[in-house]
Amino acid sequence: MTTPRWRKSTHSGGDEGNCVEVANLGDHIAIRDSKVPGAGISF
């Protein structure tokens, strides 16, 4: 399995740590909170 390349949304809080991150997993999209990176979900 390839390591996901996480990207932060431009609408996130920036330096405040309130960031939503997304990653393309091929046939799924993963979403996570940057403050809790181990708790992502995929669709």
N, C-alpha and C. Protein backbone atom coordinates (compact mmCIF):
# COMPACT_ATOMS: atom_id res chain seq x y z
N MET A 1 0.84 -1.19 0.00
CA MET A 1 0.00 0.00 0.00
C MET A 1 0.88 1.24 0.00
N THR A 2 0.52 2.21 -0.81
CA THR A 2 1.25 3.46 -0.90
C THR A 2 0.87 4.40 0.25
N THR A 3 1.84 5.13 0.75
CA THR A 3 1.57 6.11 1.80
C THR A 3 0.75 7.25 1.22
N PRO A 4 -0.37 7.61 1.84
CA PRO A 4 -1.21 8.69 1.31
C PRO A 4 -0.49 10.03 1.32
N ARG A 5 -0.77 10.85 0.32
CA ARG A 5 -0.25 12.21 0.27
C ARG A 5 -1.37 13.13 0.76
N TRP A 6 -1.26 13.58 1.99
CA TRP A 6 -2.29 14.40 2.61
C TRP A 6 -2.17 15.84 2.16
N ARG A 7 -3.31 16.47 1.89
CA ARG A 7 -3.36 17.88 1.50
C ARG A 7 -4.32 18.62 2.43
N LYS A 8 -3.94 19.84 2.81
CA LYS A 8 -4.79 20.65 3.68
C LYS A 8 -5.70 21.52 2.82
N SER A 9 -6.93 21.65 3.26
CA SER A 9 -7.90 22.50 2.60
C SER A 9 -7.48 23.96 2.72
N THR A 10 -7.67 24.74 1.66
CA THR A 10 -7.37 26.17 1.73
C THR A 10 -8.38 26.91 2.60
N HIS A 11 -9.49 26.27 2.95
CA HIS A 11 -10.51 26.88 3.81
C HIS A 11 -10.31 26.52 5.27
N SER A 12 -9.25 25.82 5.59
CA SER A 12 -8.97 25.44 6.98
C SER A 12 -8.40 26.63 7.74
N GLY A 13 -8.24 26.46 9.03
CA GLY A 13 -7.81 27.55 9.91
C GLY A 13 -6.36 27.97 9.80
N GLY A 14 -5.58 27.41 8.90
CA GLY A 14 -4.19 27.82 8.74
C GLY A 14 -3.32 27.42 9.91
N ASP A 15 -2.69 28.41 10.56
CA ASP A 15 -1.75 28.14 11.65
C ASP A 15 -2.42 27.80 12.98
N GLU A 16 -3.73 27.91 13.05
CA GLU A 16 -4.43 27.65 14.30
C GLU A 16 -4.61 26.17 14.59
N GLY A 17 -4.29 25.29 13.65
CA GLY A 17 -4.42 23.86 13.86
C GLY A 17 -5.80 23.30 13.55
N ASN A 18 -6.70 24.13 13.05
CA ASN A 18 -8.04 23.68 12.70
C ASN A 18 -8.07 23.32 11.22
N CYS A 19 -7.40 22.25 10.86
CA CYS A 19 -7.24 21.90 9.46
C CYS A 19 -7.92 20.58 9.11
N VAL A 20 -8.57 20.58 7.96
CA VAL A 20 -9.12 19.36 7.38
C VAL A 20 -8.13 18.93 6.30
N GLU A 21 -7.76 17.65 6.28
CA GLU A 21 -6.84 17.13 5.28
C GLU A 21 -7.54 16.04 4.48
N VAL A 22 -7.20 15.96 3.19
CA VAL A 22 -7.77 14.93 2.32
C VAL A 22 -6.63 14.22 1.59
N ALA A 23 -6.87 12.97 1.21
CA ALA A 23 -5.89 12.20 0.45
C ALA A 23 -6.63 11.31 -0.55
N ASN A 24 -6.10 11.22 -1.76
CA ASN A 24 -6.65 10.34 -2.78
C ASN A 24 -6.00 8.97 -2.60
N LEU A 25 -6.82 7.95 -2.35
CA LEU A 25 -6.31 6.60 -2.13
C LEU A 25 -6.61 5.69 -3.32
N GLY A 26 -6.73 6.27 -4.50
CA GLY A 26 -7.04 5.49 -5.69
C GLY A 26 -8.54 5.35 -5.87
N ASP A 27 -9.14 4.32 -5.29
CA ASP A 27 -10.58 4.13 -5.41
C ASP A 27 -11.34 4.66 -4.20
N HIS A 28 -10.66 5.36 -3.29
CA HIS A 28 -11.27 5.96 -2.11
C HIS A 28 -10.68 7.35 -1.88
N ILE A 29 -11.41 8.16 -1.14
CA ILE A 29 -10.92 9.46 -0.68
C ILE A 29 -10.90 9.40 0.85
N ALA A 30 -9.81 9.83 1.46
CA ALA A 30 -9.70 9.85 2.92
C ALA A 30 -9.76 11.28 3.43
N ILE A 31 -10.39 11.46 4.58
CA ILE A 31 -10.51 12.77 5.22
C ILE A 31 -10.09 12.61 6.67
N ARG A 32 -9.35 13.60 7.19
CA ARG A 32 -8.95 13.54 8.60
C ARG A 32 -8.80 14.95 9.16
N ASP A 33 -8.82 15.03 10.46
CA ASP A 33 -8.56 16.26 11.21
C ASP A 33 -7.05 16.28 11.47
N SER A 34 -6.38 17.36 11.14
CA SER A 34 -4.92 17.41 11.30
C SER A 34 -4.49 17.30 12.76
N LYS A 35 -5.38 17.59 13.70
CA LYS A 35 -5.04 17.47 15.12
C LYS A 35 -5.07 16.02 15.59
N VAL A 36 -5.77 15.14 14.84
CA VAL A 36 -5.90 13.72 15.19
C VAL A 36 -5.66 12.90 13.92
N PRO A 37 -4.42 12.87 13.40
CA PRO A 37 -4.15 12.24 12.11
C PRO A 37 -4.43 10.75 12.04
N GLY A 38 -4.45 10.05 13.16
CA GLY A 38 -4.71 8.62 13.14
C GLY A 38 -6.19 8.26 13.07
N ALA A 39 -7.06 9.25 13.10
CA ALA A 39 -8.50 8.99 13.14
C ALA A 39 -9.21 9.40 11.85
N GLY A 40 -8.59 9.16 10.71
CA GLY A 40 -9.21 9.51 9.44
C GLY A 40 -10.29 8.53 9.03
N ILE A 41 -11.13 8.94 8.07
CA ILE A 41 -12.16 8.07 7.51
C ILE A 41 -12.01 8.06 5.99
N SER A 42 -12.47 7.02 5.34
CA SER A 42 -12.37 6.96 3.88
C SER A 42 -13.72 6.64 3.29
N PHE A 43 -13.93 7.13 2.06
CA PHE A 43 -15.17 6.92 1.32
C PHE A 43 -14.84 6.27 0.00
